[in-house]
Protein backbone atom coordinates (compact mmCIF):
# COMPACT_ATOMS: atom_id res chain seq x y z
CA MET A 1 -80.90 13.28 -218.93
CA ILE A 2 -84.26 11.36 -220.27
CA MET A 3 -87.28 13.54 -219.67
CA LEU A 4 -91.05 11.67 -220.17
CA VAL A 5 -93.24 13.40 -222.80
CA GLU A 6 -95.79 14.12 -219.35
CA ASP A 7 -93.16 16.10 -218.01
CA LEU A 8 -93.28 18.21 -220.94
CA SER A 9 -96.94 18.74 -220.84
CA THR A 10 -96.99 19.93 -217.22
CA THR A 11 -93.61 22.05 -217.18
CA THR A 12 -93.09 23.71 -221.13
CA MET A 13 -89.46 25.67 -221.68
CA MET A 14 -90.12 28.84 -223.31
CA VAL A 15 -88.68 31.93 -224.41
CA LYS A 16 -90.31 35.83 -225.87
CA CYS A 17 -89.07 36.65 -229.32
CA ARG A 18 -86.81 39.84 -228.68
CA ASP A 19 -88.51 41.30 -231.86
CA CYS A 20 -92.19 40.85 -231.92
CA GLY A 21 -92.46 39.35 -228.26
CA HIS A 22 -94.52 36.69 -229.08
CA GLU A 23 -93.42 33.27 -226.23
CA HIS A 24 -93.03 30.90 -227.77
CA PRO A 25 -91.49 27.19 -226.72
CA SER A 26 -87.76 26.92 -226.53
CA ILE A 27 -85.80 24.60 -229.29
CA ILE A 28 -84.34 23.17 -225.98
CA GLN A 29 -86.35 21.69 -223.14
CA MET A 30 -85.51 20.60 -219.89
CA ASP A 31 -87.41 20.51 -216.37
CA THR A 32 -87.11 22.70 -213.79
CA THR A 33 -85.15 20.88 -211.39
CA TYR A 34 -82.25 20.23 -214.22
CA PHE A 35 -82.68 24.00 -215.54
CA LYS A 36 -81.42 25.17 -212.13
CA THR A 37 -78.23 23.61 -212.18
CA ALA A 38 -77.87 23.57 -215.66
CA LEU A 39 -74.90 25.89 -217.33
CA LEU A 40 -76.62 27.61 -220.60
CA GLN A 41 -74.23 29.20 -222.70
CA GLU A 42 -76.36 31.12 -225.62
CA LYS A 43 -78.53 29.50 -227.56
CA ARG A 44 -80.04 30.86 -230.85
CA GLU A 45 -84.08 30.82 -231.17
CA HIS A 46 -86.09 31.36 -234.27
CA CYS A 47 -89.31 32.67 -233.61
CA PRO A 48 -92.29 31.32 -235.13
CA LYS A 49 -94.16 33.92 -235.47
CA CYS A 50 -92.30 36.47 -237.33
CA GLY A 51 -88.84 34.63 -238.34
CA SER A 52 -86.54 36.67 -236.42
CA VAL A 53 -83.49 34.72 -234.86
CA SER A 54 -81.96 35.88 -231.65
CA THR A 55 -79.69 34.91 -229.29
CA TYR A 56 -80.57 34.04 -225.14
CA GLU A 57 -79.07 33.58 -222.18
CA LYS A 58 -80.54 31.38 -219.24
CA SER A 59 -81.96 34.54 -217.68
CA ASP A 60 -84.25 34.89 -220.88
CA TYR A 61 -86.13 31.63 -220.33
CA PHE A 62 -89.21 30.68 -218.15
CA PHE A 63 -91.53 28.00 -217.72
CA LEU A 64 -95.27 27.20 -218.29
């Protein structure tokens, strides 16, 4: 799927760090329509604030 840059400016896929609570953009990005049907396996995310690496499930992601 090709994502236009304009789409990311209005819907950024975010995740909240399990350790410090910092909300940051996910390493993966997709639009909300695709997200609804996507089968996401656990993803490892690195927090840019505290450096923690944690594993997240689909239910951990949200959009801004």
